[in-house]
Amino acid sequence: MNKRISLFFLILFFLSTGVAQSQSSALTSDSIFFQMKKVADWQWKTLETVGWKNPKKDWTSGAMYTGMVAWAKIANDETYYRKLIQVGEDNKWQVGKYRYFADDYCVGQLYSQLYKIYKDPKYIADFKALADTITTLPHTEGLEWKKSIYLREWAWCDALFMGPPALGYLTEATGDAKYLDKSAQLWMKTTEYLYDKDEHLYYRDSRYFDKKEKNGTKVFWGRGNGWVIGGLVRVLSVMPKNHPERKKLEGLFTDMSSKLATLQQPDGSWHASLLDPASYPSKETSGTGFICYAMAWGINNGLLPAKKYQPVVNKAWLALVTAVHPDGKLGFVQAQGAAPDKVTYNDTDVYGVGAFLLAGSEMLPLYLNHKNNVFIKEVYNETASSKKQIVEVKWSDIKKEIKKADPKKVVVTDAATHVLIPSTIIYKGKKPQLLQYTVDLSTGTNRYFEISTK
């Protein structure tokens, strides 16, 4: 009997060690970077060889572009921006057919973000003309799901990922605050109608107010709420600290995050149905990706305490990477729809890839910023041209993070790839003053460098 008990605990030890090792390997900067590249490359290759399932102006594609832009910023390879510019050219830089339908101008997020780098007016001309009109409309209709209200108002929860960030990024690109102001105004209108203040979750639309899950709970869609909180942090990311609506949106974000953290499943994911996860027992990666992205952003920006939420996002990221096929295909993406539904390892779609890449773009700096005894330097090339840049870091700043830093032993590495970067210490007399190194920065690239000692 004692041998059997010993064998049981030995097996349990090895299993738990294996899980811990897989978690540890998934949560390194090079692993996060590699997984993002693998998923992004698989998606582009599939689109180029198999073709596009939906139009390039479609909301599904628009959601994918949000993640592809996030990946392009850290890839240090302008190829990815060129692919996105080609999308714009194919679209003739226009939004979709139904001008006031949020799904049809989700693509405006892409156009505005590309304009911010390349400054080509044609990128945003059509979307800006639309947004100028949106800001003048009264928006006084009710949001009940009838008379095709969705073609005029943000009457369904996932619209909050499509419309508000598109207007917000246009403000960032142009400097004109009216687009962001309208975004905040209409966000609150939708929130007053669809947000359940008791559950801190959003109904998909008015048709779900009285529906129940099999276990008798209210119907709150995992992906729908993922899109909401993902859209919320995208608006916050371009909103000034002193904006009159910021505190309300921050409060909404922290309330949703607190609720969603309690609904995370043991495998780290959020299922299609938030309050009845057993009814759809498989993980769902598009909702999980957006939630992981939002919470990681919240930690990185000081709105969520790392002690409470870092274990949540770590588990979520592990749930996402274990859904990636060996060739880079992302599985467990629920098919297009309006409510919870079943999903399998082989189910994929482009918006799931967008969510995955957004999550990775925040997990990378989150991992780096919580490493001990290292100094992380972030360098951004916001221009439309590649360039070499001399980076200088004060030795006094390095000493704040690395107490026993030795100028003879300090090294600089690319934090994403672990490639060693040659560096020099500049002295004043015998005292080190600066650490200096030169890096290549591709167009629109955001790179992280890790300074440590051997």
Protein backbone atom coordinates (compact mmCIF):
# COMPACT_ATOMS: atom_id res chain seq x y z
CA MET A 1 0.00 0.00 0.00
CA ASN A 2 2.83 2.41 0.91
CA LYS A 3 4.52 1.69 -2.44
CA ARG A 4 1.29 2.50 -4.28
CA ILE A 5 0.90 5.78 -2.37
CA SER A 6 4.53 6.67 -3.05
CA LEU A 7 4.09 5.87 -6.75
CA PHE A 8 0.94 8.01 -6.90
CA PHE A 9 2.68 11.03 -5.41
CA LEU A 10 5.71 10.49 -7.63
CA ILE A 11 3.49 10.55 -10.74
CA LEU A 12 1.68 13.62 -9.40
CA PHE A 13 5.04 15.32 -8.84
CA PHE A 14 6.21 14.69 -12.39
CA LEU A 15 2.88 15.85 -13.84
CA SER A 16 2.91 19.06 -11.80
CA THR A 17 6.57 19.62 -12.70
CA GLY A 18 5.71 19.21 -16.38
CA VAL A 19 2.92 21.76 -16.11
CA ALA A 20 5.19 24.17 -14.27
CA GLN A 21 7.89 23.76 -16.91
CA SER A 22 5.41 24.36 -19.73
CA GLN A 23 4.16 27.48 -17.97
CA SER A 24 7.70 28.69 -17.42
CA SER A 25 8.75 28.11 -21.04
CA ALA A 26 5.63 29.82 -22.39
CA LEU A 27 6.24 32.89 -20.24
CA THR A 28 9.62 33.97 -21.56
CA SER A 29 10.11 36.90 -23.88
CA ASP A 30 11.55 34.84 -26.72
CA SER A 31 8.73 32.30 -26.45
CA ILE A 32 6.05 35.01 -26.54
CA PHE A 33 7.76 36.62 -29.55
CA PHE A 34 8.15 33.28 -31.34
CA GLN A 35 4.53 32.27 -30.77
CA MET A 36 3.30 35.61 -32.11
CA LYS A 37 5.48 35.30 -35.21
CA LYS A 38 4.38 31.71 -35.82
CA VAL A 39 0.67 32.57 -35.60
CA ALA A 40 0.99 35.77 -37.66
CA ASP A 41 3.02 34.03 -40.38
CA TRP A 42 0.60 31.11 -40.59
CA GLN A 43 -2.33 33.48 -40.98
CA TRP A 44 -0.72 35.57 -43.73
CA LYS A 45 0.42 32.45 -45.59
CA THR A 46 -3.06 30.97 -45.39
CA LEU A 47 -4.69 34.16 -46.65
CA GLU A 48 -2.22 34.38 -49.53
CA THR A 49 -2.54 30.73 -50.57
CA VAL A 50 -6.09 29.69 -49.62
CA GLY A 51 -7.71 33.11 -49.91
CA TRP A 52 -9.86 35.38 -47.80
CA LYS A 53 -13.08 33.91 -46.44
CA ASN A 54 -14.58 37.36 -45.92
CA PRO A 55 -14.00 40.76 -47.58
CA LYS A 56 -10.92 42.72 -46.53
CA LYS A 57 -13.22 45.49 -45.20
CA ASP A 58 -15.19 43.02 -43.09
CA TRP A 59 -15.26 43.22 -39.28
CA THR A 60 -13.56 39.82 -39.03
CA SER A 61 -10.64 41.15 -41.04
CA GLY A 62 -10.71 44.47 -39.18
CA ALA A 63 -10.29 42.67 -35.87
CA MET A 64 -7.39 40.69 -37.29
CA TYR A 65 -5.64 43.89 -38.39
CA THR A 66 -5.66 45.21 -34.83
CA GLY A 67 -3.44 42.32 -33.78
CA MET A 68 -1.36 42.42 -36.94
CA VAL A 69 -0.51 46.09 -36.29
CA ALA A 70 0.46 45.19 -32.71
CA TRP A 71 2.72 42.44 -34.06
CA ALA A 72 4.23 44.70 -36.75
CA LYS A 73 5.28 47.16 -34.04
CA ILE A 74 7.52 44.60 -32.33
CA ALA A 75 8.54 42.43 -35.30
CA ASN A 76 11.23 44.88 -36.50
CA ASP A 77 10.37 43.85 -40.06
CA GLU A 78 8.52 46.27 -42.33
CA THR A 79 7.20 43.34 -44.36
CA TYR A 80 4.23 43.16 -42.01
CA TYR A 81 3.37 46.82 -42.46
CA ARG A 82 3.66 46.37 -46.22
CA LYS A 83 1.11 43.57 -46.10
CA LEU A 84 -1.26 45.85 -44.20
CA ILE A 85 -0.69 48.72 -46.61
CA GLN A 86 -1.55 46.37 -49.46
CA VAL A 87 -4.83 45.61 -47.69
CA GLY A 88 -5.55 49.33 -47.66
CA GLU A 89 -4.70 49.62 -51.34
CA ASP A 90 -6.97 46.67 -52.17
CA ASN A 91 -9.74 48.39 -50.20
CA LYS A 92 -9.00 51.70 -51.93
CA TRP A 93 -8.75 52.95 -48.34
CA GLN A 94 -12.51 52.83 -47.97
CA VAL A 95 -14.71 51.49 -45.20
CA GLY A 96 -17.53 49.02 -45.79
CA LYS A 97 -20.85 49.35 -47.56
CA TYR A 98 -23.04 50.41 -44.63
CA ARG A 99 -21.53 53.69 -43.57
CA TYR A 100 -22.84 53.91 -39.98
CA PHE A 101 -22.55 50.18 -39.23
CA ALA A 102 -19.70 49.80 -36.73
CA ASP A 103 -18.64 46.48 -38.23
CA ASP A 104 -18.05 48.23 -41.54
CA TYR A 105 -15.73 50.88 -40.14
CA CYS A 106 -13.73 48.68 -37.76
CA VAL A 107 -11.12 48.76 -40.54
CA GLY A 108 -10.70 52.46 -39.75
CA GLN A 109 -8.48 51.41 -36.85
CA LEU A 110 -5.98 50.06 -39.36
CA TYR A 111 -6.11 53.10 -41.59
CA SER A 112 -5.56 55.52 -38.71
CA GLN A 113 -2.69 53.56 -37.23
CA LEU A 114 -0.94 53.34 -40.60
CA TYR A 115 -1.51 57.06 -41.17
CA LYS A 116 0.15 57.83 -37.84
CA ILE A 117 3.36 56.27 -39.20
CA TYR A 118 3.29 57.01 -42.95
CA LYS A 119 1.36 60.34 -42.94
CA ASP A 120 -0.33 59.62 -46.29
CA PRO A 121 -3.65 61.56 -46.31
CA LYS A 122 -5.36 59.03 -48.59
CA TYR A 123 -5.15 56.40 -45.84
CA ILE A 124 -7.78 58.17 -43.73
CA ALA A 125 -9.64 60.36 -46.24
CA ASP A 126 -12.74 58.17 -46.57
CA PHE A 127 -12.87 57.15 -42.92
CA LYS A 128 -12.38 60.73 -41.75
CA ALA A 129 -15.24 61.89 -43.96
CA LEU A 130 -17.46 59.27 -42.36
CA ALA A 131 -16.27 60.12 -38.84
CA ASP A 132 -16.92 63.82 -39.45
CA THR A 133 -20.53 62.94 -40.17
CA ILE A 134 -20.82 60.55 -37.21
CA THR A 135 -19.78 63.33 -34.84
CA THR A 136 -22.62 65.55 -36.06
CA LEU A 137 -25.45 63.00 -35.89
CA PRO A 138 -27.85 63.28 -32.91
CA HIS A 139 -27.79 59.56 -31.97
CA THR A 140 -31.10 59.81 -30.15
CA GLU A 141 -32.64 56.47 -31.19
CA GLY A 142 -33.23 53.76 -28.62
CA LEU A 143 -31.04 50.63 -28.82
CA GLU A 144 -33.73 47.96 -28.86
CA TRP A 145 -32.87 45.31 -31.45
CA LYS A 146 -35.39 46.23 -34.14
CA LYS A 147 -35.65 48.18 -37.38
CA SER A 148 -32.00 47.39 -38.20
CA ILE A 149 -30.84 49.65 -35.38
CA TYR A 150 -27.36 48.12 -35.64
CA LEU A 151 -26.86 49.96 -38.93
CA ARG A 152 -27.07 53.28 -37.08
CA GLU A 153 -26.14 52.75 -33.43
CA TRP A 154 -23.83 50.63 -31.27
CA ALA A 155 -26.72 48.41 -30.21
CA TRP A 156 -24.77 45.19 -29.65
CA CYS A 157 -21.88 44.69 -27.27
CA ASP A 158 -19.17 43.66 -29.74
CA ALA A 159 -19.72 46.94 -31.59
CA LEU A 160 -17.71 48.44 -28.74
CA PHE A 161 -14.59 46.87 -30.19
CA MET A 162 -15.39 47.99 -33.74
CA GLY A 163 -16.55 51.59 -33.44
CA PRO A 164 -15.12 53.38 -30.38
CA PRO A 165 -11.45 52.48 -30.98
CA ALA A 166 -11.78 53.42 -34.66
CA LEU A 167 -12.85 56.92 -33.67
CA GLY A 168 -10.27 57.04 -30.89
CA TYR A 169 -7.36 56.15 -33.16
CA LEU A 170 -8.51 58.78 -35.62
CA THR A 171 -8.15 61.37 -32.87
CA GLU A 172 -4.66 60.05 -32.15
CA ALA A 173 -3.79 60.28 -35.84
CA THR A 174 -5.23 63.74 -36.52
CA GLY A 175 -5.11 65.47 -33.14
CA ASP A 176 -8.81 66.34 -33.44
CA ALA A 177 -10.49 65.49 -30.12
CA LYS A 178 -14.05 65.41 -31.47
CA TYR A 179 -13.78 61.80 -32.64
CA LEU A 180 -12.65 60.50 -29.26
CA ASP A 181 -15.25 62.65 -27.50
CA LYS A 182 -18.03 61.15 -29.63
CA SER A 183 -16.60 57.70 -29.00
CA ALA A 184 -16.82 58.20 -25.23
CA GLN A 185 -20.34 59.64 -25.46
CA LEU A 186 -21.67 56.73 -27.50
CA TRP A 187 -19.81 54.20 -25.36
CA MET A 188 -21.71 55.40 -22.33
CA LYS A 189 -25.01 55.29 -24.22
CA THR A 190 -24.47 51.62 -25.08
CA THR A 191 -23.29 50.89 -21.55
CA GLU A 192 -26.42 52.38 -19.98
CA TYR A 193 -28.50 50.02 -22.10
CA LEU A 194 -26.54 46.73 -22.28
CA TYR A 195 -24.41 46.69 -19.12
CA ASP A 196 -25.71 44.67 -16.17
CA LYS A 197 -24.53 46.59 -13.11
CA ASP A 198 -25.07 43.59 -10.84
CA GLU A 199 -23.08 41.14 -12.93
CA HIS A 200 -20.59 43.70 -14.33
CA LEU A 201 -21.01 42.17 -17.77
CA TYR A 202 -22.64 43.19 -21.04
CA TYR A 203 -25.59 41.54 -22.75
CA ARG A 204 -24.98 40.88 -26.41
CA ASP A 205 -28.09 42.91 -27.34
CA SER A 206 -31.64 43.47 -26.11
CA ARG A 207 -32.81 40.05 -27.30
CA TYR A 208 -30.82 38.47 -24.49
CA PHE A 209 -32.23 40.45 -21.56
CA ASP A 210 -34.63 37.69 -20.55
CA LYS A 211 -32.89 34.60 -21.92
CA LYS A 212 -31.40 31.99 -19.60
CA GLU A 213 -28.65 29.39 -19.89
CA LYS A 214 -29.30 25.71 -19.17
CA ASN A 215 -28.30 26.22 -15.54
CA GLY A 216 -30.76 29.10 -15.16
CA THR A 217 -28.22 31.93 -15.25
CA LYS A 218 -28.29 35.00 -17.47
CA VAL A 219 -26.73 34.73 -20.92
CA PHE A 220 -23.42 36.55 -21.08
CA TRP A 221 -21.30 35.68 -24.07
CA GLY A 222 -17.61 35.11 -23.42
CA ARG A 223 -16.41 36.45 -26.73
CA GLY A 224 -18.82 39.38 -26.68
CA ASN A 225 -17.54 40.54 -23.30
CA GLY A 226 -13.99 39.91 -24.45
CA TRP A 227 -14.58 42.27 -27.36
CA VAL A 228 -16.01 44.86 -24.97
CA ILE A 229 -13.08 44.90 -22.57
CA GLY A 230 -10.63 44.74 -25.48
CA GLY A 231 -12.29 47.74 -27.08
CA LEU A 232 -12.34 49.53 -23.75
CA VAL A 233 -8.58 49.42 -23.27
CA ARG A 234 -8.04 50.48 -26.88
CA VAL A 235 -10.08 53.60 -26.20
CA LEU A 236 -8.27 54.20 -22.90
CA SER A 237 -4.90 53.79 -24.61
CA VAL A 238 -5.53 56.91 -26.71
CA MET A 239 -7.50 58.90 -24.13
CA PRO A 240 -5.76 61.73 -22.26
CA LYS A 241 -5.46 61.31 -18.50
CA ASN A 242 -7.56 64.44 -17.96
CA HIS A 243 -10.41 63.50 -20.30
CA PRO A 244 -13.73 64.05 -18.49
CA GLU A 245 -14.93 60.49 -19.23
CA ARG A 246 -11.71 58.69 -18.37
CA LYS A 247 -12.50 57.96 -14.72
CA LYS A 248 -15.83 56.40 -15.67
CA LEU A 249 -14.20 54.18 -18.27
CA GLU A 250 -11.41 53.20 -15.90
CA GLY A 251 -13.98 52.26 -13.26
CA LEU A 252 -15.87 50.21 -15.79
CA PHE A 253 -12.64 48.48 -16.79
CA THR A 254 -11.64 47.56 -13.25
CA ASP A 255 -15.15 46.32 -12.42
CA MET A 256 -15.28 44.13 -15.53
CA SER A 257 -11.77 42.82 -14.88
CA SER A 258 -12.65 41.89 -11.31
CA LYS A 259 -15.73 40.00 -12.45
CA LEU A 260 -14.03 38.25 -15.36
CA ALA A 261 -11.16 37.11 -13.15
CA THR A 262 -13.68 35.15 -11.05
CA LEU A 263 -15.02 33.45 -14.19
CA GLN A 264 -11.70 32.16 -15.51
CA GLN A 265 -11.72 28.39 -15.90
CA PRO A 266 -9.08 26.05 -14.42
CA ASP A 267 -7.33 25.76 -17.80
CA GLY A 268 -6.88 29.55 -17.89
CA SER A 269 -9.52 30.28 -20.52
CA TRP A 270 -12.98 31.79 -20.59
CA HIS A 271 -15.65 29.64 -22.18
CA ALA A 272 -18.28 30.70 -24.70
CA SER A 273 -20.84 31.06 -21.90
CA LEU A 274 -19.46 33.00 -18.95
CA LEU A 275 -22.02 32.00 -16.31
CA ASP A 276 -22.64 28.47 -17.57
CA PRO A 277 -19.21 27.31 -18.74
CA ALA A 278 -20.14 23.62 -18.44
CA SER A 279 -22.68 24.02 -21.24
CA TYR A 280 -19.81 24.76 -23.65
CA PRO A 281 -16.91 22.97 -21.96
CA SER A 282 -14.15 23.81 -24.46
CA LYS A 283 -11.99 26.89 -24.15
CA GLU A 284 -12.63 29.73 -26.61
CA THR A 285 -9.56 31.63 -27.76
CA SER A 286 -10.95 34.80 -29.30
CA GLY A 287 -12.69 35.86 -26.08
CA THR A 288 -9.79 34.60 -23.99
CA GLY A 289 -7.33 36.51 -26.17
CA PHE A 290 -9.13 39.82 -25.82
CA ILE A 291 -9.54 39.40 -22.05
CA CYS A 292 -5.87 38.45 -21.64
CA TYR A 293 -4.89 41.47 -23.74
CA ALA A 294 -7.04 43.85 -21.71
CA MET A 295 -5.93 42.63 -18.29
CA ALA A 296 -2.24 42.59 -19.27
CA TRP A 297 -2.66 46.14 -20.56
CA GLY A 298 -4.30 47.06 -17.27
CA ILE A 299 -1.30 45.76 -15.29
CA ASN A 300 1.18 47.46 -17.63
CA ASN A 301 -0.65 50.77 -17.23
CA GLY A 302 -1.13 50.65 -13.48
CA LEU A 303 -4.90 50.11 -13.42
CA LEU A 304 -4.78 46.53 -12.16
CA PRO A 305 -2.56 45.22 -9.34
CA ALA A 306 0.02 42.77 -10.67
CA LYS A 307 -0.13 40.59 -7.56
CA LYS A 308 -3.78 39.76 -8.22
CA TYR A 309 -3.96 39.79 -11.99
CA GLN A 310 -0.61 38.52 -13.23
CA PRO A 311 -1.46 34.90 -12.31
CA VAL A 312 -4.73 35.36 -14.23
CA VAL A 313 -3.08 36.57 -17.43
CA ASN A 314 -0.27 34.03 -17.14
CA LYS A 315 -2.82 31.23 -17.10
CA ALA A 316 -4.72 32.85 -19.93
CA TRP A 317 -1.62 33.09 -22.10
CA LEU A 318 -0.84 29.43 -21.45
CA ALA A 319 -4.41 28.56 -22.52
CA LEU A 320 -3.82 30.51 -25.74
CA VAL A 321 -0.44 29.04 -26.68
CA THR A 322 -1.64 25.50 -26.07
CA ALA A 323 -4.35 26.16 -28.67
CA VAL A 324 -1.72 26.88 -31.33
CA HIS A 325 -1.12 24.01 -33.76
CA PRO A 326 2.48 23.04 -34.60
CA ASP A 327 2.23 24.91 -37.91
CA GLY A 328 0.93 28.12 -36.27
CA LYS A 329 -2.80 27.70 -36.80
CA LEU A 330 -4.78 29.02 -33.81
CA GLY A 331 -7.55 26.67 -32.73
CA PHE A 332 -10.60 26.90 -30.47
CA VAL A 333 -11.89 30.07 -32.16
CA GLN A 334 -15.69 30.13 -32.01
CA ALA A 335 -17.30 30.58 -35.41
CA GLN A 336 -19.05 33.81 -36.32
CA GLY A 337 -22.32 34.22 -34.46
CA ALA A 338 -24.18 36.21 -31.84
CA ALA A 339 -24.23 33.89 -28.83
CA PRO A 340 -22.31 31.12 -27.05
CA ASP A 341 -21.68 28.06 -29.21
CA LYS A 342 -19.47 24.96 -29.32
CA VAL A 343 -15.88 25.16 -30.51
CA THR A 344 -13.08 22.66 -31.23
CA TYR A 345 -9.29 22.53 -31.56
CA ASN A 346 -9.58 22.77 -35.35
CA ASP A 347 -11.88 25.81 -35.45
CA THR A 348 -10.13 29.02 -36.41
CA ASP A 349 -10.86 32.46 -37.81
CA VAL A 350 -8.91 35.63 -38.41
CA TYR A 351 -10.38 37.63 -35.52
CA GLY A 352 -9.07 35.00 -33.10
CA VAL A 353 -5.61 35.63 -34.49
CA GLY A 354 -6.09 39.35 -33.92
CA ALA A 355 -6.96 38.68 -30.28
CA PHE A 356 -3.98 36.36 -29.83
CA LEU A 357 -1.52 38.90 -31.22
CA LEU A 358 -2.96 41.72 -29.12
CA ALA A 359 -2.56 39.54 -26.03
CA GLY A 360 1.05 38.75 -26.92
CA SER A 361 1.83 42.42 -27.51
CA GLU A 362 0.99 43.16 -23.87
CA MET A 363 2.34 39.91 -22.40
CA LEU A 364 5.82 40.67 -23.75
CA PRO A 365 6.34 43.97 -21.87
CA LEU A 366 4.48 42.56 -18.86
CA TYR A 367 6.97 39.72 -18.61
CA LEU A 368 9.94 42.03 -19.10
CA ASN A 369 8.80 44.71 -16.65
CA HIS A 370 8.43 42.18 -13.86
CA LYS A 371 11.87 40.62 -14.18
CA ASN A 372 14.21 41.18 -11.27
CA ASN A 373 17.71 42.60 -11.44
CA VAL A 374 17.47 43.81 -15.05
CA PHE A 375 16.92 47.17 -16.71
CA ILE A 376 14.51 47.27 -19.65
CA LYS A 377 14.95 49.95 -22.28
CA GLU A 378 12.16 50.57 -24.77
CA VAL A 379 13.05 52.23 -28.10
CA TYR A 380 10.49 53.29 -30.70
CA ASN A 381 10.93 54.44 -34.28
CA GLU A 382 7.74 56.32 -35.08
CA THR A 383 8.88 57.36 -38.56
CA ALA A 384 8.17 55.87 -41.99
CA SER A 385 11.85 55.07 -42.55
CA SER A 386 14.19 52.48 -41.12
CA LYS A 387 17.13 53.95 -39.25
CA LYS A 388 20.10 53.27 -37.06
CA GLN A 389 19.79 54.82 -33.63
CA ILE A 390 22.33 55.37 -30.90
CA VAL A 391 20.72 54.52 -27.57
CA GLU A 392 22.09 55.98 -24.36
CA VAL A 393 21.10 54.90 -20.86
CA LYS A 394 22.29 56.68 -17.73
CA TRP A 395 24.38 54.43 -15.51
CA SER A 396 22.58 55.85 -12.48
CA ASP A 397 19.28 54.55 -13.92
CA ILE A 398 20.77 51.11 -14.45
CA LYS A 399 22.01 51.05 -10.85
CA LYS A 400 18.49 51.66 -9.59
CA GLU A 401 17.40 48.33 -11.07
CA ILE A 402 20.67 46.39 -10.78
CA LYS A 403 22.17 47.23 -7.41
CA LYS A 404 25.45 45.38 -8.00
CA ALA A 405 25.84 46.35 -11.63
CA ASP A 406 29.45 46.06 -12.79
CA PRO A 407 30.37 48.09 -15.91
CA LYS A 408 32.83 45.34 -16.89
CA LYS A 409 30.13 42.69 -16.83
CA VAL A 410 27.07 44.50 -18.18
CA VAL A 411 25.48 43.12 -21.37
CA VAL A 412 22.66 44.26 -23.65
CA THR A 413 20.38 41.83 -25.44
CA ASP A 414 17.33 42.15 -27.66
CA ALA A 415 14.67 41.24 -25.12
CA ALA A 416 12.47 39.54 -27.71
CA THR A 417 15.07 37.38 -29.43
CA HIS A 418 17.94 37.27 -26.89
CA VAL A 419 20.42 38.39 -29.56
CA LEU A 420 23.46 40.06 -27.98
CA ILE A 421 23.88 43.78 -28.78
CA PRO A 422 27.42 45.24 -28.67
CA SER A 423 27.61 48.07 -26.13
CA THR A 424 30.06 50.57 -24.67
CA ILE A 425 30.38 52.22 -21.28
CA ILE A 426 31.14 55.95 -21.36
CA TYR A 427 33.18 57.13 -18.37
CA LYS A 428 33.73 60.51 -16.75
CA GLY A 429 37.06 60.09 -15.12
CA LYS A 430 36.85 56.66 -13.52
CA LYS A 431 33.10 56.74 -12.97
CA PRO A 432 30.70 55.17 -15.50
CA GLN A 433 28.20 57.71 -16.85
CA LEU A 434 26.41 56.14 -19.80
CA LEU A 435 25.78 52.82 -21.45
CA GLN A 436 25.67 53.25 -25.20
CA TYR A 437 24.70 50.93 -28.06
CA THR A 438 23.51 51.21 -31.66
CA VAL A 439 20.44 49.42 -33.02
CA ASP A 440 18.61 49.05 -36.31
CA LEU A 441 14.97 50.13 -36.09
CA SER A 442 12.57 49.25 -38.87
CA THR A 443 9.64 51.51 -39.72
CA GLY A 444 7.13 51.87 -36.87
CA THR A 445 9.07 49.46 -34.69
CA ASN A 446 8.95 49.26 -30.91
CA ARG A 447 11.91 47.26 -29.54
CA TYR A 448 12.79 46.21 -26.01
CA PHE A 449 16.33 45.76 -24.76
CA GLU A 450 17.39 43.95 -21.64
CA ILE A 451 20.40 45.27 -19.73
CA SER A 452 21.82 42.83 -17.21
CA THR A 453 25.09 41.51 -15.84
CA LYS A 454 26.85 38.28 -16.82
